[in-house]
Amino acid sequence: GTPSQYNAHGKTGTLNGVTALAGYVTTGDGQLAAYFITMQHYRGGPWAYKRDQNEIVQALAGFKYKEYETAKE
């Protein structure tokens, strides 16, 4: 039910206190965007960080450059 569902394509990885997510997604205005998100030195397991990574990809999937340019003005 998000802009990234069936749109984001990625690969996860977790190793010794590091969690990563890399892939690509089509943005809200039809641009292809690549991403690489890595987080390290987490405590209590990677699950909260993986949730944050998913939220970043969802935001990227909904991103529209025109709205960003308008907001800067």
PDB file of N, CA and C in Angstrom:
ATOM      1  N   GLY A   1       0.792  -1.205   0.000  1.00  0.00           N
ATOM      2  CA  GLY A   1       0.000   0.000   0.000  1.00  0.00           C
ATOM      3  C   GLY A   1       0.839   1.276   0.000  1.00  0.00           C
ATOM      4  N   THR A   2       2.137   1.191  -0.302  1.00  0.00           N
ATOM      5  CA  THR A   2       2.998   2.374  -0.332  1.00  0.00           C
ATOM      6  C   THR A   2       3.524   2.582  -1.754  1.00  0.00           C
ATOM      7  N   PRO A   3       4.078   3.763  -2.043  1.00  0.00           N
ATOM      8  CA  PRO A   3       4.639   3.991  -3.379  1.00  0.00           C
ATOM      9  C   PRO A   3       5.783   3.035  -3.730  1.00  0.00           C
ATOM     10  N   SER A   4       6.411   2.455  -2.734  1.00  0.00           N
ATOM     11  CA  SER A   4       7.530   1.555  -3.010  1.00  0.00           C
ATOM     12  C   SER A   4       7.096   0.107  -3.234  1.00  0.00           C
ATOM     13  N   GLN A   5       5.853  -0.234  -2.871  1.00  0.00           N
ATOM     14  CA  GLN A   5       5.387  -1.609  -3.038  1.00  0.00           C
ATOM     15  C   GLN A   5       5.363  -1.978  -4.517  1.00  0.00           C
ATOM     16  N   TYR A   6       5.961  -3.098  -4.859  1.00  0.00           N
ATOM     17  CA  TYR A   6       6.088  -3.602  -6.240  1.00  0.00           C
ATOM     18  C   TYR A   6       6.921  -2.660  -7.117  1.00  0.00           C
ATOM     19  N   ASN A   7       7.615  -1.717  -6.526  1.00  0.00           N
ATOM     20  CA  ASN A   7       8.385  -0.721  -7.251  1.00  0.00           C
ATOM     21  C   ASN A   7       9.852  -0.762  -6.838  1.00  0.00           C
ATOM     22  N   ALA A   8      10.125  -0.871  -5.564  1.00  0.00           N
ATOM     23  CA  ALA A   8      11.500  -0.889  -5.069  1.00  0.00           C
ATOM     24  C   ALA A   8      12.095  -2.279  -5.248  1.00  0.00           C
ATOM     25  N   HIS A   9      13.312  -2.313  -5.722  1.00  0.00           N
ATOM     26  CA  HIS A   9      14.040  -3.565  -5.903  1.00  0.00           C
ATOM     27  C   HIS A   9      15.350  -3.424  -5.155  1.00  0.00           C
ATOM     28  N   GLY A  10      15.572  -4.297  -4.181  1.00  0.00           N
ATOM     29  CA  GLY A  10      16.757  -4.128  -3.362  1.00  0.00           C
ATOM     30  C   GLY A  10      17.264  -5.432  -2.793  1.00  0.00           C
ATOM     31  N   LYS A  11      18.417  -5.321  -2.165  1.00  0.00           N
ATOM     32  CA  LYS A  11      19.055  -6.448  -1.507  1.00  0.00           C
ATOM     33  C   LYS A  11      19.518  -5.985  -0.143  1.00  0.00           C
ATOM     34  N   THR A  12      19.210  -6.778   0.859  1.00  0.00           N
ATOM     35  CA  THR A  12      19.621  -6.469   2.223  1.00  0.00           C
ATOM     36  C   THR A  12      20.892  -7.232   2.576  1.00  0.00           C
ATOM     37  N   GLY A  13      21.538  -6.771   3.615  1.00  0.00           N
ATOM     38  CA  GLY A  13      22.686  -7.485   4.150  1.00  0.00           C
ATOM     39  C   GLY A  13      22.906  -7.084   5.591  1.00  0.00           C
ATOM     40  N   THR A  14      23.240  -8.050   6.426  1.00  0.00           N
ATOM     41  CA  THR A  14      23.510  -7.783   7.835  1.00  0.00           C
ATOM     42  C   THR A  14      24.720  -8.615   8.240  1.00  0.00           C
ATOM     43  N   LEU A  15      25.697  -7.955   8.879  1.00  0.00           N
ATOM     44  CA  LEU A  15      26.912  -8.656   9.272  1.00  0.00           C
ATOM     45  C   LEU A  15      27.600  -7.888  10.385  1.00  0.00           C
ATOM     46  N   ASN A  16      27.828  -8.530  11.516  1.00  0.00           N
ATOM     47  CA  ASN A  16      28.630  -7.966  12.603  1.00  0.00           C
ATOM     48  C   ASN A  16      28.342  -6.503  12.915  1.00  0.00           C
ATOM     49  N   GLY A  17      27.110  -6.189  13.248  1.00  0.00           N
ATOM     50  CA  GLY A  17      26.769  -4.835  13.665  1.00  0.00           C
ATOM     51  C   GLY A  17      26.576  -3.851  12.537  1.00  0.00           C
ATOM     52  N   VAL A  18      26.433  -4.338  11.314  1.00  0.00           N
ATOM     53  CA  VAL A  18      26.196  -3.473  10.162  1.00  0.00           C
ATOM     54  C   VAL A  18      24.993  -4.018   9.411  1.00  0.00           C
ATOM     55  N   THR A  19      24.075  -3.137   9.040  1.00  0.00           N
ATOM     56  CA  THR A  19      22.952  -3.531   8.197  1.00  0.00           C
ATOM     57  C   THR A  19      22.923  -2.601   6.991  1.00  0.00           C
ATOM     58  N   ALA A  20      22.642  -3.170   5.816  1.00  0.00           N
ATOM     59  CA  ALA A  20      22.673  -2.390   4.583  1.00  0.00           C
ATOM     60  C   ALA A  20      21.482  -2.757   3.700  1.00  0.00           C
ATOM     61  N   LEU A  21      21.098  -1.801   2.880  1.00  0.00           N
ATOM     62  CA  LEU A  21      20.049  -2.006   1.885  1.00  0.00           C
ATOM     63  C   LEU A  21      20.469  -1.230   0.638  1.00  0.00           C
ATOM     64  N   ALA A  22      20.511  -1.903  -0.494  1.00  0.00           N
ATOM     65  CA  ALA A  22      20.918  -1.265  -1.749  1.00  0.00           C
ATOM     66  C   ALA A  22      19.957  -1.702  -2.843  1.00  0.00           C
ATOM     67  N   GLY A  23      19.692  -0.797  -3.787  1.00  0.00           N
ATOM     68  CA  GLY A  23      18.818  -1.150  -4.889  1.00  0.00           C
ATOM     69  C   GLY A  23      18.418   0.059  -5.703  1.00  0.00           C
ATOM     70  N   TYR A  24      17.243  -0.060  -6.313  1.00  0.00           N
ATOM     71  CA  TYR A  24      16.734   1.043  -7.135  1.00  0.00           C
ATOM     72  C   TYR A  24      15.217   1.100  -7.021  1.00  0.00           C
ATOM     73  N   VAL A  25      14.672   2.285  -7.330  1.00  0.00           N
ATOM     74  CA  VAL A  25      13.234   2.523  -7.241  1.00  0.00           C
ATOM     75  C   VAL A  25      12.878   3.633  -8.225  1.00  0.00           C
ATOM     76  N   THR A  26      11.675   3.591  -8.751  1.00  0.00           N
ATOM     77  CA  THR A  26      11.182   4.681  -9.586  1.00  0.00           C
ATOM     78  C   THR A  26      10.497   5.694  -8.683  1.00  0.00           C
ATOM     79  N   THR A  27      10.886   6.964  -8.804  1.00  0.00           N
ATOM     80  CA  THR A  27      10.336   8.015  -7.954  1.00  0.00           C
ATOM     81  C   THR A  27       8.919   8.381  -8.400  1.00  0.00           C
ATOM     82  N   GLY A  28       8.295   9.246  -7.631  1.00  0.00           N
ATOM     83  CA  GLY A  28       6.934   9.671  -7.932  1.00  0.00           C
ATOM     84  C   GLY A  28       6.787  10.391  -9.254  1.00  0.00           C
ATOM     85  N   ASP A  29       7.880  10.935  -9.785  1.00  0.00           N
ATOM     86  CA  ASP A  29       7.802  11.604 -11.083  1.00  0.00           C
ATOM     87  C   ASP A  29       8.454  10.792 -12.201  1.00  0.00           C
ATOM     88  N   GLY A  30       8.645   9.491 -11.954  1.00  0.00           N
ATOM     89  CA  GLY A  30       9.088   8.588 -13.009  1.00  0.00           C
ATOM     90  C   GLY A  30      10.583   8.482 -13.225  1.00  0.00           C
ATOM     91  N   GLN A  31      11.388   9.049 -12.341  1.00  0.00           N
ATOM     92  CA  GLN A  31      12.843   8.958 -12.459  1.00  0.00           C
ATOM     93  C   GLN A  31      13.345   7.696 -11.757  1.00  0.00           C
ATOM     94  N   LEU A  32      14.331   7.061 -12.327  1.00  0.00           N
ATOM     95  CA  LEU A  32      14.941   5.900 -11.696  1.00  0.00           C
ATOM     96  C   LEU A  32      16.002   6.381 -10.713  1.00  0.00           C
ATOM     97  N   ALA A  33      15.909   5.948  -9.473  1.00  0.00           N
ATOM     98  CA  ALA A  33      16.851   6.366  -8.437  1.00  0.00           C
ATOM     99  C   ALA A  33      17.492   5.136  -7.808  1.00  0.00           C
ATOM    100  N   ALA A  34      18.797   5.173  -7.680  1.00  0.00           N
ATOM    101  CA  ALA A  34      19.533   4.114  -6.994  1.00  0.00           C
ATOM    102  C   ALA A  34      19.766   4.546  -5.546  1.00  0.00           C
ATOM    103  N   TYR A  35      19.829   3.582  -4.641  1.00  0.00           N
ATOM    104  CA  TYR A  35      20.078   3.907  -3.239  1.00  0.00           C
ATOM    105  C   TYR A  35      21.001   2.876  -2.604  1.00  0.00           C
ATOM    106  N   PHE A  36      21.744   3.322  -1.632  1.00  0.00           N
ATOM    107  CA  PHE A  36      22.560   2.466  -0.787  1.00  0.00           C
ATOM    108  C   PHE A  36      22.510   3.058   0.611  1.00  0.00           C
ATOM    109  N   ILE A  37      21.963   2.306   1.530  1.00  0.00           N
ATOM    110  CA  ILE A  37      21.792   2.779   2.900  1.00  0.00           C
ATOM    111  C   ILE A  37      22.523   1.798   3.811  1.00  0.00           C
ATOM    112  N   THR A  38      23.446   2.291   4.585  1.00  0.00           N
ATOM    113  CA  THR A  38      24.162   1.425   5.520  1.00  0.00           C
ATOM    114  C   THR A  38      24.135   2.057   6.913  1.00  0.00           C
ATOM    115  N   MET A  39      23.971   1.226   7.912  1.00  0.00           N
ATOM    116  CA  MET A  39      23.932   1.684   9.301  1.00  0.00           C
ATOM    117  C   MET A  39      24.798   0.734  10.117  1.00  0.00           C
ATOM    118  N   GLN A  40      25.527   1.294  11.049  1.00  0.00           N
ATOM    119  CA  GLN A  40      26.418   0.453  11.836  1.00  0.00           C
ATOM    120  C   GLN A  40      26.385   0.834  13.305  1.00  0.00           C
ATOM    121  N   HIS A  41      26.985  -0.004  14.112  1.00  0.00           N
ATOM    122  CA  HIS A  41      27.093   0.177  15.562  1.00  0.00           C
ATOM    123  C   HIS A  41      25.727   0.246  16.233  1.00  0.00           C
ATOM    124  N   TYR A  42      24.761  -0.524  15.748  1.00  0.00           N
ATOM    125  CA  TYR A  42      23.453  -0.528  16.390  1.00  0.00           C
ATOM    126  C   TYR A  42      23.459  -1.465  17.588  1.00  0.00           C
ATOM    127  N   ARG A  43      22.541  -1.215  18.484  1.00  0.00           N
ATOM    128  CA  ARG A  43      22.403  -2.060  19.668  1.00  0.00           C
ATOM    129  C   ARG A  43      20.981  -2.627  19.683  1.00  0.00           C
ATOM    130  N   GLY A  44      20.850  -3.830  20.181  1.00  0.00           N
ATOM    131  CA  GLY A  44      19.538  -4.433  20.346  1.00  0.00           C
ATOM    132  C   GLY A  44      18.971  -5.038  19.071  1.00  0.00           C
ATOM    133  N   GLY A  45      19.788  -5.321  18.117  1.00  0.00           N
ATOM    134  CA  GLY A  45      19.328  -5.953  16.887  1.00  0.00           C
ATOM    135  C   GLY A  45      19.058  -4.954  15.774  1.00  0.00           C
ATOM    136  N   PRO A  46      19.044  -5.447  14.555  1.00  0.00           N
ATOM    137  CA  PRO A  46      18.935  -4.565  13.389  1.00  0.00           C
ATOM    138  C   PRO A  46      17.512  -4.168  13.011  1.00  0.00           C
ATOM    139  N   TRP A  47      16.499  -4.680  13.690  1.00  0.00           N
ATOM    140  CA  TRP A  47      15.120  -4.536  13.198  1.00  0.00           C
ATOM    141  C   TRP A  47      14.651  -3.093  13.132  1.00  0.00           C
ATOM    142  N   ALA A  48      14.959  -2.282  14.122  1.00  0.00           N
ATOM    143  CA  ALA A  48      14.554  -0.870  14.080  1.00  0.00           C
ATOM    144  C   ALA A  48      15.253  -0.142  12.937  1.00  0.00           C
ATOM    145  N   TYR A  49      16.487  -0.504  12.670  1.00  0.00           N
ATOM    146  CA  TYR A  49      17.236   0.128  11.586  1.00  0.00           C
ATOM    147  C   TYR A  49      16.707  -0.304  10.224  1.00  0.00           C
ATOM    148  N   LYS A  50      16.326  -1.552  10.107  1.00  0.00           N
ATOM    149  CA  LYS A  50      15.735  -2.030   8.852  1.00  0.00           C
ATOM    150  C   LYS A  50      14.409  -1.306   8.581  1.00  0.00           C
ATOM    151  N   ARG A  51      13.636  -1.046   9.632  1.00  0.00           N
ATOM    152  CA  ARG A  51      12.396  -0.284   9.481  1.00  0.00           C
ATOM    153  C   ARG A  51      12.708   1.123   8.967  1.00  0.00           C
ATOM    154  N   ASP A  52      13.736   1.751   9.524  1.00  0.00           N
ATOM    155  CA  ASP A  52      14.138   3.084   9.063  1.00  0.00           C
ATOM    156  C   ASP A  52      14.588   3.053   7.607  1.00  0.00           C
ATOM    157  N   GLN A  53      15.315   2.018   7.222  1.00  0.00           N
ATOM    158  CA  GLN A  53      15.747   1.880   5.831  1.00  0.00           C
ATOM    159  C   GLN A  53      14.530   1.779   4.911  1.00  0.00           C
ATOM    160  N   ASN A  54      13.536   1.005   5.311  1.00  0.00           N
ATOM    161  CA  ASN A  54      12.315   0.883   4.509  1.00  0.00           C
ATOM    162  C   ASN A  54      11.597   2.223   4.379  1.00  0.00           C
ATOM    163  N   GLU A  55      11.568   3.000   5.453  1.00  0.00           N
ATOM    164  CA  GLU A  55      10.922   4.315   5.397  1.00  0.00           C
ATOM    165  C   GLU A  55      11.661   5.264   4.449  1.00  0.00           C
ATOM    166  N   ILE A  56      12.977   5.165   4.410  1.00  0.00           N
ATOM    167  CA  ILE A  56      13.754   5.993   3.486  1.00  0.00           C
ATOM    168  C   ILE A  56      13.411   5.633   2.047  1.00  0.00           C
ATOM    169  N   VAL A  57      13.320   4.350   1.748  1.00  0.00           N
ATOM    170  CA  VAL A  57      12.989   3.924   0.384  1.00  0.00           C
ATOM    171  C   VAL A  57      11.567   4.350   0.032  1.00  0.00           C
ATOM    172  N   GLN A  58      10.636   4.268   0.969  1.00  0.00           N
ATOM    173  CA  GLN A  58       9.266   4.734   0.712  1.00  0.00           C
ATOM    174  C   GLN A  58       9.253   6.218   0.390  1.00  0.00           C
ATOM    175  N   ALA A  59      10.025   7.007   1.125  1.00  0.00           N
ATOM    176  CA  ALA A  59      10.091   8.449   0.855  1.00  0.00           C
ATOM    177  C   ALA A  59      10.683   8.708  -0.523  1.00  0.00           C
ATOM    178  N   LEU A  60      11.706   7.951  -0.892  1.00  0.00           N
ATOM    179  CA  LEU A  60      12.319   8.104  -2.206  1.00  0.00           C
ATOM    180  C   LEU A  60      11.340   7.733  -3.315  1.00  0.00           C
ATOM    181  N   ALA A  61      10.542   6.697  -3.100  1.00  0.00           N
ATOM    182  CA  ALA A  61       9.549   6.275  -4.097  1.00  0.00           C
ATOM    183  C   ALA A  61       8.475   7.339  -4.300  1.00  0.00           C
ATOM    184  N   GLY A  62       8.175   8.104  -3.272  1.00  0.00           N
ATOM    185  CA  GLY A  62       7.161   9.152  -3.379  1.00  0.00           C
ATOM    186  C   GLY A  62       7.729  10.511  -3.750  1.00  0.00           C
ATOM    187  N   PHE A  63       9.042  10.606  -3.896  1.00  0.00           N
ATOM    188  CA  PHE A  63       9.702  11.888  -4.172  1.00  0.00           C
ATOM    189  C   PHE A  63       9.336  12.413  -5.558  1.00  0.00           C
ATOM    190  N   LYS A  64       9.039  13.718  -5.616  1.00  0.00           N
ATOM    191  CA  LYS A  64       8.782  14.391  -6.894  1.00  0.00           C
ATOM    192  C   LYS A  64       9.658  15.629  -6.937  1.00  0.00           C
ATOM    193  N   TYR A  65      10.550  15.668  -7.917  1.00  0.00           N
ATOM    194  CA  TYR A  65      11.522  16.750  -8.005  1.00  0.00           C
ATOM    195  C   TYR A  65      10.845  18.110  -8.122  1.00  0.00           C
ATOM    196  N   LYS A  66       9.756  18.189  -8.856  1.00  0.00           N
ATOM    197  CA  LYS A  66       9.068  19.473  -9.027  1.00  0.00           C
ATOM    198  C   LYS A  66       8.574  20.012  -7.681  1.00  0.00           C
ATOM    199  N   GLU A  67       8.038  19.141  -6.839  1.00  0.00           N
ATOM    200  CA  GLU A  67       7.592  19.567  -5.512  1.00  0.00           C
ATOM    201  C   GLU A  67       8.777  20.019  -4.656  1.00  0.00           C
ATOM    202  N   TYR A  68       9.904  19.360  -4.818  1.00  0.00           N
ATOM    203  CA  TYR A  68      11.110  19.750  -4.080  1.00  0.00           C
ATOM    204  C   TYR A  68      11.576  21.134  -4.523  1.00  0.00           C
ATOM    205  N   GLU A  69      11.598  21.390  -5.803  1.00  0.00           N
ATOM    206  CA  GLU A  69      12.010  22.706  -6.316  1.00  0.00           C
ATOM    207  C   GLU A  69      11.062  23.805  -5.841  1.00  0.00           C
ATOM    208  N   THR A  70       9.771  23.516  -5.828  1.00  0.00           N
ATOM    209  CA  THR A  70       8.781  24.495  -5.374  1.00  0.00           C
ATOM    210  C   THR A  70       8.972  24.794  -3.886  1.00  0.00           C
ATOM    211  N   ALA A  71       9.267  23.786  -3.107  1.00  0.00           N
ATOM    212  CA  ALA A  71       9.449  23.967  -1.660  1.00  0.00           C
ATOM    213  C   ALA A  71      10.698  24.784  -1.345  1.00  0.00           C
ATOM    214  N   LYS A  72      11.705  24.729  -2.207  1.00  0.00           N
ATOM    215  CA  LYS A  72      12.947  25.476  -1.979  1.00  0.00           C
ATOM    216  C   LYS A  72      12.735  26.971  -2.186  1.00  0.00           C
ATOM    217  N   GLU A  73      11.782  27.367  -3.001  1.00  0.00           N
ATOM    218  CA  GLU A  73      11.570  28.787  -3.341  1.00  0.00           C
ATOM    219  C   GLU A  73      10.931  29.560  -2.240  1.00  0.00           C
TER     220      GLU A  73
END
